[in-house]
């Protein structure tokens, strides 16, 4: 589907001038001259075939068409900005990678992962079920969960469970 749109610069110039009700403030915001803003707005009015501003002495007021256009453009630019922020935020984010022994990952971690995702939908989690101790730099691992005394070179360790552990078995 082909869209028939006026030039984006004309839309940006109009939206800024309409929002500020000032050509000079729009020019300052967009880092162009007031003449450039006036030229872009005039081109947009010609493209649309309707006036968007009533020009008075050193002041501009929106026409009905200008008010309708401003509302639609403001909503559209807000949606574009939100989309761009979302994409920019994700572009720099790598998933949170958790390394754990396969048995622990399968029996304890994975059953709880859905609850974590529901509580934190913006965090992507990757599980690295691996029996060996991770090289955090090389393997791109953020957190490692291991059974042991917590003495791992170049790692900060936090105890998760009491130190007392008892083996148990069923009688046959």
N, C-alpha and C. Protein backbone atom coordinates (compact mmCIF):
# COMPACT_ATOMS: atom_id res chain seq x y z
N UNK A 1 0.84 -1.17 0.00
CA UNK A 1 0.00 0.00 0.00
C UNK A 1 0.88 1.24 0.00
N UNK A 2 0.71 2.07 -0.98
CA UNK A 2 1.50 3.29 -1.12
C UNK A 2 0.85 4.41 -0.32
N UNK A 3 1.65 5.10 0.48
CA UNK A 3 1.13 6.21 1.27
C UNK A 3 1.46 7.52 0.57
N UNK A 4 0.51 8.39 0.51
CA UNK A 4 0.72 9.72 -0.04
C UNK A 4 0.93 10.66 1.14
N UNK A 5 2.19 10.92 1.46
CA UNK A 5 2.50 11.79 2.60
C UNK A 5 3.28 13.01 2.13
N UNK A 6 3.06 14.13 2.81
CA UNK A 6 3.89 15.30 2.52
C UNK A 6 5.29 15.07 3.07
N UNK A 7 6.24 15.90 2.72
CA UNK A 7 7.60 15.73 3.23
C UNK A 7 7.64 15.77 4.77
N UNK A 8 8.41 14.88 5.34
CA UNK A 8 8.53 14.78 6.80
C UNK A 8 9.02 16.08 7.41
N UNK A 9 9.96 16.76 6.76
CA UNK A 9 10.47 18.03 7.30
C UNK A 9 9.35 19.06 7.42
N UNK A 10 8.43 19.07 6.47
CA UNK A 10 7.31 20.01 6.53
C UNK A 10 6.39 19.67 7.70
N UNK A 11 6.16 18.38 7.92
CA UNK A 11 5.33 17.96 9.05
C UNK A 11 5.99 18.32 10.38
N UNK A 12 7.29 18.08 10.48
CA UNK A 12 8.02 18.42 11.71
C UNK A 12 8.00 19.92 11.97
N UNK A 13 8.22 20.71 10.91
CA UNK A 13 8.23 22.17 11.05
C UNK A 13 6.87 22.67 11.51
N UNK A 14 5.81 22.17 10.88
CA UNK A 14 4.47 22.59 11.27
C UNK A 14 4.17 22.19 12.72
N UNK A 15 4.46 20.94 13.09
CA UNK A 15 4.15 20.45 14.43
C UNK A 15 4.85 21.30 15.48
N UNK A 16 6.11 21.61 15.27
CA UNK A 16 6.85 22.42 16.24
C UNK A 16 6.29 23.84 16.31
N UNK A 17 6.02 24.45 15.16
CA UNK A 17 5.48 25.81 15.14
C UNK A 17 4.09 25.85 15.78
N UNK A 18 3.28 24.84 15.51
CA UNK A 18 1.93 24.79 16.08
C UNK A 18 1.97 24.55 17.58
N UNK A 19 2.85 23.69 18.02
CA UNK A 19 2.97 23.40 19.45
C UNK A 19 3.40 24.63 20.22
N UNK A 20 4.35 25.39 19.67
CA UNK A 20 4.86 26.59 20.34
C UNK A 20 4.05 27.84 20.01
N UNK A 21 3.23 27.74 18.96
CA UNK A 21 2.58 28.93 18.39
C UNK A 21 3.61 30.02 18.13
N UNK A 22 4.76 29.58 17.63
CA UNK A 22 5.87 30.50 17.37
C UNK A 22 6.80 29.89 16.33
N UNK A 23 7.02 30.64 15.25
CA UNK A 23 7.94 30.19 14.22
C UNK A 23 9.38 30.24 14.74
N UNK A 24 9.71 31.28 15.50
CA UNK A 24 11.10 31.40 15.98
C UNK A 24 11.44 30.31 17.01
N UNK A 25 10.50 29.95 17.88
CA UNK A 25 10.76 28.87 18.85
C UNK A 25 10.87 27.53 18.14
N UNK A 26 10.06 27.31 17.12
CA UNK A 26 10.15 26.08 16.34
C UNK A 26 11.50 26.01 15.64
N UNK A 27 11.95 27.14 15.11
CA UNK A 27 13.24 27.19 14.43
C UNK A 27 14.37 26.85 15.40
N UNK A 28 14.31 27.41 16.60
CA UNK A 28 15.34 27.12 17.61
C UNK A 28 15.33 25.64 17.98
N UNK A 29 14.15 25.06 18.16
CA UNK A 29 14.04 23.64 18.52
C UNK A 29 14.62 22.74 17.43
N UNK A 30 14.35 23.07 16.18
CA UNK A 30 14.78 22.22 15.07
C UNK A 30 16.13 22.63 14.48
N UNK A 31 16.74 23.66 15.06
CA UNK A 31 18.08 24.12 14.63
C UNK A 31 18.09 24.55 13.17
N UNK A 32 17.09 25.33 12.80
CA UNK A 32 17.02 25.92 11.46
C UNK A 32 16.61 27.38 11.63
N UNK A 33 16.54 28.11 10.53
CA UNK A 33 16.14 29.50 10.60
C UNK A 33 14.62 29.63 10.62
N UNK A 34 14.11 30.74 11.14
CA UNK A 34 12.66 30.96 11.06
C UNK A 34 12.15 30.97 9.61
N UNK A 35 12.96 31.45 8.70
CA UNK A 35 12.55 31.45 7.30
C UNK A 35 12.37 30.01 6.79
N UNK A 36 13.22 29.10 7.23
CA UNK A 36 13.09 27.70 6.82
C UNK A 36 11.79 27.11 7.35
N UNK A 37 11.43 27.42 8.60
CA UNK A 37 10.17 26.94 9.17
C UNK A 37 9.00 27.49 8.36
N UNK A 38 9.02 28.78 8.09
CA UNK A 38 7.94 29.40 7.31
C UNK A 38 7.81 28.76 5.94
N UNK A 39 8.94 28.51 5.30
CA UNK A 39 8.94 27.89 3.97
C UNK A 39 8.33 26.48 4.03
N UNK A 40 8.72 25.69 5.03
CA UNK A 40 8.20 24.32 5.17
C UNK A 40 6.70 24.33 5.45
N UNK A 41 6.26 25.22 6.33
CA UNK A 41 4.83 25.30 6.66
C UNK A 41 4.04 25.73 5.43
N UNK A 42 4.55 26.69 4.69
CA UNK A 42 3.86 27.15 3.48
C UNK A 42 3.76 26.00 2.46
N UNK A 43 4.84 25.23 2.32
CA UNK A 43 4.82 24.09 1.40
C UNK A 43 3.78 23.05 1.84
N UNK A 44 3.66 22.82 3.15
CA UNK A 44 2.67 21.88 3.66
C UNK A 44 1.26 22.39 3.39
N UNK A 45 1.03 23.68 3.62
CA UNK A 45 -0.29 24.25 3.35
C UNK A 45 -0.65 24.11 1.86
N UNK A 46 0.33 24.32 1.00
CA UNK A 46 0.08 24.15 -0.44
C UNK A 46 -0.21 22.68 -0.76
N UNK A 47 0.52 21.78 -0.15
CA UNK A 47 0.33 20.34 -0.39
C UNK A 47 -1.07 19.92 0.04
N UNK A 48 -1.50 20.44 1.20
CA UNK A 48 -2.83 20.09 1.73
C UNK A 48 -3.96 20.87 1.05
N UNK A 49 -3.63 22.05 0.58
CA UNK A 49 -4.66 22.88 -0.04
C UNK A 49 -5.51 23.65 0.95
N UNK A 50 -5.04 23.76 2.19
CA UNK A 50 -5.77 24.52 3.22
C UNK A 50 -4.76 25.29 4.08
N UNK A 51 -5.17 26.45 4.59
CA UNK A 51 -4.28 27.16 5.52
C UNK A 51 -4.30 26.48 6.89
N UNK A 52 -3.13 26.41 7.52
CA UNK A 52 -3.02 25.80 8.84
C UNK A 52 -2.87 26.86 9.94
N UNK A 53 -2.39 28.04 9.55
CA UNK A 53 -2.19 29.14 10.49
C UNK A 53 -2.92 30.38 10.00
N UNK A 54 -3.36 31.18 10.96
CA UNK A 54 -3.76 32.57 10.67
C UNK A 54 -2.58 33.40 11.13
N UNK A 55 -2.02 34.14 10.20
CA UNK A 55 -0.84 34.93 10.52
C UNK A 55 -1.24 36.34 10.91
N UNK A 56 -0.82 36.73 12.11
CA UNK A 56 -1.08 38.07 12.61
C UNK A 56 0.27 38.77 12.79
N UNK A 57 0.25 39.98 13.29
CA UNK A 57 1.51 40.69 13.55
C UNK A 57 2.35 39.91 14.56
N UNK A 58 3.45 39.35 14.11
CA UNK A 58 4.41 38.64 14.97
C UNK A 58 3.76 37.51 15.78
N UNK A 59 2.68 36.97 15.31
CA UNK A 59 1.98 35.89 16.02
C UNK A 59 1.28 35.00 15.01
N UNK A 60 1.18 33.72 15.34
CA UNK A 60 0.43 32.79 14.50
C UNK A 60 -0.61 32.10 15.36
N UNK A 61 -1.77 31.86 14.80
CA UNK A 61 -2.84 31.11 15.46
C UNK A 61 -3.24 29.97 14.55
N UNK A 62 -3.66 28.88 15.12
CA UNK A 62 -4.07 27.72 14.33
C UNK A 62 -5.47 27.88 13.78
N UNK A 63 -5.66 27.47 12.55
CA UNK A 63 -7.00 27.37 11.98
C UNK A 63 -7.60 26.06 12.49
N UNK A 64 -8.86 25.81 12.18
CA UNK A 64 -9.48 24.53 12.56
C UNK A 64 -8.71 23.37 11.93
N UNK A 65 -8.32 23.53 10.67
CA UNK A 65 -7.54 22.48 10.00
C UNK A 65 -6.18 22.31 10.68
N UNK A 66 -5.60 23.41 11.10
CA UNK A 66 -4.31 23.35 11.79
C UNK A 66 -4.41 22.62 13.13
N UNK A 67 -5.50 22.87 13.86
CA UNK A 67 -5.70 22.18 15.14
C UNK A 67 -5.87 20.69 14.93
N UNK A 68 -6.65 20.31 13.93
CA UNK A 68 -6.84 18.88 13.64
C UNK A 68 -5.52 18.24 13.22
N UNK A 69 -4.78 18.96 12.40
CA UNK A 69 -3.49 18.43 11.93
C UNK A 69 -2.51 18.30 13.09
N UNK A 70 -2.47 19.29 13.98
CA UNK A 70 -1.55 19.24 15.13
C UNK A 70 -1.85 18.03 16.01
N UNK A 71 -3.12 17.79 16.31
CA UNK A 71 -3.46 16.65 17.17
C UNK A 71 -3.00 15.34 16.55
N UNK A 72 -3.29 15.13 15.27
CA UNK A 72 -2.87 13.90 14.62
C UNK A 72 -1.37 13.75 14.53
N UNK A 73 -0.67 14.84 14.22
CA UNK A 73 0.79 14.78 14.13
C UNK A 73 1.42 14.56 15.49
N UNK A 74 0.91 15.24 16.52
CA UNK A 74 1.46 15.06 17.87
C UNK A 74 1.32 13.60 18.30
N UNK A 75 0.13 13.02 18.08
CA UNK A 75 -0.07 11.61 18.42
C UNK A 75 0.87 10.72 17.62
N UNK A 76 0.99 11.01 16.33
CA UNK A 76 1.86 10.21 15.47
C UNK A 76 3.33 10.31 15.87
N UNK A 77 3.80 11.53 16.13
CA UNK A 77 5.20 11.71 16.53
C UNK A 77 5.46 11.08 17.90
N UNK A 78 4.48 11.14 18.81
CA UNK A 78 4.63 10.49 20.11
C UNK A 78 4.77 8.97 19.94
N UNK A 79 3.97 8.39 19.04
CA UNK A 79 4.06 6.95 18.79
C UNK A 79 5.39 6.59 18.14
N UNK A 80 5.84 7.41 17.21
CA UNK A 80 7.13 7.16 16.57
C UNK A 80 8.24 7.24 17.62
N UNK A 81 8.21 8.27 18.46
CA UNK A 81 9.23 8.42 19.50
C UNK A 81 9.24 7.23 20.46
N UNK A 82 8.06 6.77 20.87
CA UNK A 82 7.97 5.62 21.78
C UNK A 82 8.52 4.36 21.12
N UNK A 83 8.22 4.17 19.85
CA UNK A 83 8.72 3.01 19.12
C UNK A 83 10.23 3.05 19.00
N UNK A 84 10.76 4.21 18.68
CA UNK A 84 12.21 4.36 18.54
C UNK A 84 12.90 4.12 19.88
N UNK A 85 12.34 4.65 20.96
CA UNK A 85 12.93 4.42 22.29
C UNK A 85 12.93 2.95 22.64
N UNK A 86 11.84 2.27 22.31
CA UNK A 86 11.75 0.83 22.60
C UNK A 86 12.83 0.07 21.83
N UNK A 87 12.99 0.40 20.56
CA UNK A 87 13.98 -0.28 19.73
C UNK A 87 15.39 0.06 20.19
N UNK A 88 15.64 1.33 20.50
CA UNK A 88 16.97 1.73 20.96
C UNK A 88 17.32 1.05 22.27
N UNK A 89 16.34 0.95 23.16
CA UNK A 89 16.58 0.30 24.45
C UNK A 89 16.91 -1.17 24.29
N UNK A 90 16.23 -1.83 23.35
CA UNK A 90 16.48 -3.25 23.14
C UNK A 90 17.77 -3.50 22.39
N UNK A 91 18.18 -2.56 21.57
CA UNK A 91 19.38 -2.76 20.76
C UNK A 91 20.61 -2.93 21.63
N UNK A 92 20.66 -2.22 22.75
CA UNK A 92 21.81 -2.31 23.62
C UNK A 92 21.68 -3.39 24.69
N UNK A 93 20.52 -3.99 24.78
CA UNK A 93 20.29 -4.97 25.83
C UNK A 93 20.56 -6.38 25.34
N UNK A 94 21.39 -7.06 26.06
CA UNK A 94 21.57 -8.48 25.82
C UNK A 94 20.70 -9.21 26.83
N UNK A 95 20.33 -10.43 26.56
CA UNK A 95 19.53 -11.15 27.56
C UNK A 95 20.34 -11.39 28.83
N UNK A 96 19.64 -11.53 29.94
CA UNK A 96 20.27 -11.91 31.20
C UNK A 96 20.58 -13.40 31.08
N UNK A 97 21.85 -13.74 31.12
CA UNK A 97 22.24 -15.14 30.94
C UNK A 97 22.62 -15.73 32.30
N UNK A 98 21.92 -16.80 32.65
CA UNK A 98 22.13 -17.48 33.92
C UNK A 98 22.69 -18.86 33.63
N UNK A 99 23.85 -19.13 34.20
CA UNK A 99 24.47 -20.44 34.05
C UNK A 99 24.20 -21.26 35.31
N UNK A 100 23.78 -22.50 35.11
CA UNK A 100 23.50 -23.37 36.25
C UNK A 100 23.72 -24.82 35.82
N UNK A 101 23.98 -25.67 36.79
CA UNK A 101 24.11 -27.09 36.50
C UNK A 101 22.81 -27.58 35.87
N UNK A 102 22.89 -28.50 34.91
CA UNK A 102 21.67 -28.96 34.22
C UNK A 102 20.59 -29.46 35.17
N UNK A 103 20.95 -30.20 36.20
CA UNK A 103 19.93 -30.72 37.13
C UNK A 103 19.23 -29.58 37.86
N UNK A 104 19.98 -28.59 38.33
CA UNK A 104 19.40 -27.46 39.04
C UNK A 104 18.55 -26.62 38.09
N UNK A 105 19.05 -26.40 36.88
CA UNK A 105 18.31 -25.60 35.89
C UNK A 105 16.99 -26.27 35.56
N UNK A 106 17.00 -27.56 35.34
CA UNK A 106 15.78 -28.27 34.94
C UNK A 106 14.79 -28.46 36.06
N UNK A 107 15.25 -28.75 37.26
CA UNK A 107 14.35 -29.10 38.35
C UNK A 107 13.92 -27.91 39.21
N UNK A 108 14.75 -26.87 39.30
CA UNK A 108 14.40 -25.76 40.17
C UNK A 108 14.21 -24.45 39.40
N UNK A 109 15.16 -24.11 38.52
CA UNK A 109 15.15 -22.81 37.87
C UNK A 109 14.06 -22.67 36.80
N UNK A 110 13.99 -23.60 35.87
CA UNK A 110 13.01 -23.50 34.78
C UNK A 110 11.56 -23.48 35.26
N UNK A 111 11.19 -24.28 36.27
CA UNK A 111 9.79 -24.20 36.74
C UNK A 111 9.42 -22.82 37.31
N UNK A 112 10.40 -22.03 37.71
CA UNK A 112 10.13 -20.71 38.29
C UNK A 112 10.30 -19.58 37.26
N UNK A 113 10.79 -19.91 36.10
CA UNK A 113 11.09 -18.89 35.09
C UNK A 113 9.85 -18.15 34.60
N UNK A 114 8.74 -18.85 34.42
CA UNK A 114 7.52 -18.19 33.95
C UNK A 114 7.05 -17.13 34.93
N UNK A 115 7.12 -17.40 36.20
CA UNK A 115 6.72 -16.42 37.22
C UNK A 115 7.63 -15.18 37.15
N UNK A 116 8.93 -15.40 36.94
CA UNK A 116 9.86 -14.28 36.79
C UNK A 116 9.52 -13.46 35.55
N UNK A 117 9.25 -14.14 34.44
CA UNK A 117 8.91 -13.43 33.19
C UNK A 117 7.63 -12.62 33.33
N UNK A 118 6.67 -13.14 34.04
CA UNK A 118 5.42 -12.39 34.26
C UNK A 118 5.67 -11.15 35.11
N UNK A 119 6.57 -11.27 36.09
CA UNK A 119 6.88 -10.13 36.96
C UNK A 119 7.80 -9.12 36.27
N UNK A 120 8.62 -9.59 35.33
CA UNK A 120 9.60 -8.73 34.66
C UNK A 120 9.58 -8.98 33.15
N UNK A 121 8.50 -8.59 32.46
CA UNK A 121 8.38 -8.90 31.03
C UNK A 121 9.42 -8.20 30.16
N UNK A 122 10.07 -7.15 30.69
CA UNK A 122 11.06 -6.43 29.91
C UNK A 122 12.45 -7.06 29.97
N UNK A 123 12.63 -8.09 30.78
CA UNK A 123 13.93 -8.75 30.90
C UNK A 123 13.88 -10.09 30.20
N UNK A 124 14.73 -10.23 29.20
CA UNK A 124 14.83 -11.51 28.49
C UNK A 124 15.86 -12.35 29.23
N UNK A 125 15.51 -13.60 29.52
CA UNK A 125 16.39 -14.50 30.27
C UNK A 125 16.81 -15.66 29.39
N UNK A 126 18.09 -15.98 29.44
CA UNK A 126 18.63 -17.14 28.73
C UNK A 126 19.28 -18.03 29.77
N UNK A 127 18.95 -19.32 29.75
CA UNK A 127 19.51 -20.28 30.69
C UNK A 127 20.61 -21.06 29.97
N UNK A 128 21.78 -21.09 30.59
CA UNK A 128 22.90 -21.88 30.08
C UNK A 128 23.08 -23.06 31.04
N UNK A 129 22.43 -24.19 30.71
CA UNK A 129 22.52 -25.38 31.56
C UNK A 129 23.83 -26.07 31.23
N UNK A 130 24.82 -25.87 32.11
CA UNK A 130 26.17 -26.32 31.83
C UNK A 130 26.82 -26.78 33.14
N UNK A 131 27.40 -27.97 33.17
CA UNK A 131 27.97 -28.45 34.42
C UNK A 131 29.29 -27.76 34.80
N UNK A 132 29.97 -27.17 33.85
CA UNK A 132 31.27 -26.56 34.17
C UNK A 132 31.10 -25.13 34.67
N UNK A 133 32.06 -24.65 35.41
CA UNK A 133 32.07 -23.27 35.89
C UNK A 133 32.26 -22.36 34.68
N UNK A 134 31.48 -21.32 34.59
CA UNK A 134 31.52 -20.43 33.42
C UNK A 134 32.69 -19.46 33.50
N UNK A 135 33.20 -19.11 32.32
CA UNK A 135 34.11 -17.99 32.18
C UNK A 135 33.18 -16.82 31.81
N UNK A 136 32.92 -15.94 32.75
CA UNK A 136 31.90 -14.92 32.57
C UNK A 136 32.15 -14.03 31.36
N UNK A 137 33.39 -13.68 31.10
CA UNK A 137 33.72 -12.83 29.94
C UNK A 137 33.52 -13.59 28.63
N UNK A 138 34.13 -14.73 28.52
CA UNK A 138 34.12 -15.50 27.27
C UNK A 138 32.73 -16.03 26.94
N UNK A 139 32.01 -16.52 27.95
CA UNK A 139 30.72 -17.16 27.73
C UNK A 139 29.54 -16.18 27.75
N UNK A 140 29.80 -14.90 27.99
CA UNK A 140 28.73 -13.90 28.11
C UNK A 140 27.68 -14.32 29.12
N UNK A 141 28.13 -14.75 30.27
CA UNK A 141 27.25 -15.17 31.36
C UNK A 141 27.21 -14.05 32.40
N UNK A 142 26.00 -13.75 32.89
CA UNK A 142 25.84 -12.69 33.89
C UNK A 142 25.84 -13.24 35.31
N UNK A 143 25.22 -14.40 35.49
CA UNK A 143 25.09 -15.00 36.82
C UNK A 143 25.34 -16.49 36.70
N UNK A 144 26.11 -17.02 37.65
CA UNK A 144 26.32 -18.46 37.72
C UNK A 144 25.78 -18.98 39.03
N UNK A 145 25.05 -20.07 38.98
CA UNK A 145 24.53 -20.69 40.21
C UNK A 145 25.19 -22.06 40.31
N UNK A 146 25.93 -22.25 41.39
CA UNK A 146 26.67 -23.50 41.59
C UNK A 146 26.54 -23.97 43.02
N UNK A 147 26.66 -25.27 43.20
CA UNK A 147 26.71 -25.85 44.52
C UNK A 147 28.17 -25.85 44.97
N UNK A 148 28.43 -25.41 46.17
CA UNK A 148 29.80 -25.41 46.67
C UNK A 148 29.93 -24.44 47.83
N UNK A 149 31.16 -24.23 48.24
CA UNK A 149 31.44 -23.37 49.39
C UNK A 149 31.47 -21.89 49.02
N UNK A 150 31.41 -21.57 47.76
CA UNK A 150 31.39 -20.18 47.35
C UNK A 150 32.76 -19.57 47.17
N UNK A 151 33.76 -20.39 47.10
CA UNK A 151 35.13 -19.87 46.91
C UNK A 151 35.52 -20.05 45.45
N UNK A 152 35.15 -19.08 44.64
CA UNK A 152 35.45 -19.13 43.22
C UNK A 152 36.31 -17.91 42.88
N UNK A 153 37.50 -18.14 42.31
CA UNK A 153 38.40 -17.02 42.02
C UNK A 153 37.73 -15.98 41.11
N UNK A 154 37.95 -14.71 41.42
CA UNK A 154 37.48 -13.57 40.64
C UNK A 154 35.95 -13.47 40.58
N UNK A 155 35.26 -14.12 41.51
CA UNK A 155 33.80 -14.05 41.54
C UNK A 155 33.33 -13.61 42.92
N UNK A 156 32.26 -12.86 42.94
CA UNK A 156 31.60 -12.54 44.20
C UNK A 156 30.55 -13.61 44.42
N UNK A 157 30.50 -14.17 45.61
CA UNK A 157 29.56 -15.25 45.89
C UNK A 157 28.59 -14.85 46.99
N UNK A 158 27.36 -15.28 46.81
CA UNK A 158 26.32 -15.04 47.79
C UNK A 158 25.67 -16.38 48.09
N UNK A 159 25.59 -16.74 49.37
CA UNK A 159 24.94 -17.99 49.75
C UNK A 159 23.44 -17.90 49.55
N UNK A 160 22.86 -18.96 49.04
CA UNK A 160 21.42 -18.97 48.78
C UNK A 160 20.65 -19.86 49.75
N UNK A 161 21.28 -20.87 50.26
CA UNK A 161 20.62 -21.82 51.14
C UNK A 161 21.49 -22.04 52.36
N UNK A 162 20.89 -22.60 53.44
CA UNK A 162 21.69 -22.89 54.64
C UNK A 162 22.83 -23.86 54.30
N UNK A 163 23.89 -23.76 55.04
CA UNK A 163 25.06 -24.59 54.77
C UNK A 163 24.84 -26.06 55.11
N UNK A 164 23.91 -26.33 55.99
CA UNK A 164 23.68 -27.71 56.38
C UNK A 164 22.88 -28.41 55.30
N UNK A 165 23.39 -29.57 54.90
CA UNK A 165 22.74 -30.31 53.84
C UNK A 165 22.77 -31.79 54.25
N UNK A 166 21.65 -32.48 54.15
CA UNK A 166 21.59 -33.89 54.51
C UNK A 166 21.15 -34.70 53.31
N UNK A 167 21.89 -35.74 53.01
CA UNK A 167 21.42 -36.63 51.94
C UNK A 167 20.23 -37.42 52.45
N UNK A 168 19.34 -37.77 51.57
CA UNK A 168 18.22 -38.59 51.96
C UNK A 168 17.96 -39.62 50.87
N UNK A 169 17.43 -40.74 51.28
CA UNK A 169 17.13 -41.81 50.33
C UNK A 169 15.93 -42.58 50.85
N UNK A 170 15.20 -43.17 49.94
CA UNK A 170 14.04 -43.98 50.32
C UNK A 170 14.51 -45.37 50.68
N UNK A 171 13.90 -45.96 51.66
CA UNK A 171 14.20 -47.35 52.05
C UNK A 171 13.59 -48.28 51.05
N UNK A 172 14.32 -49.34 50.74
CA UNK A 172 13.74 -50.31 49.82
C UNK A 172 13.13 -51.45 50.56
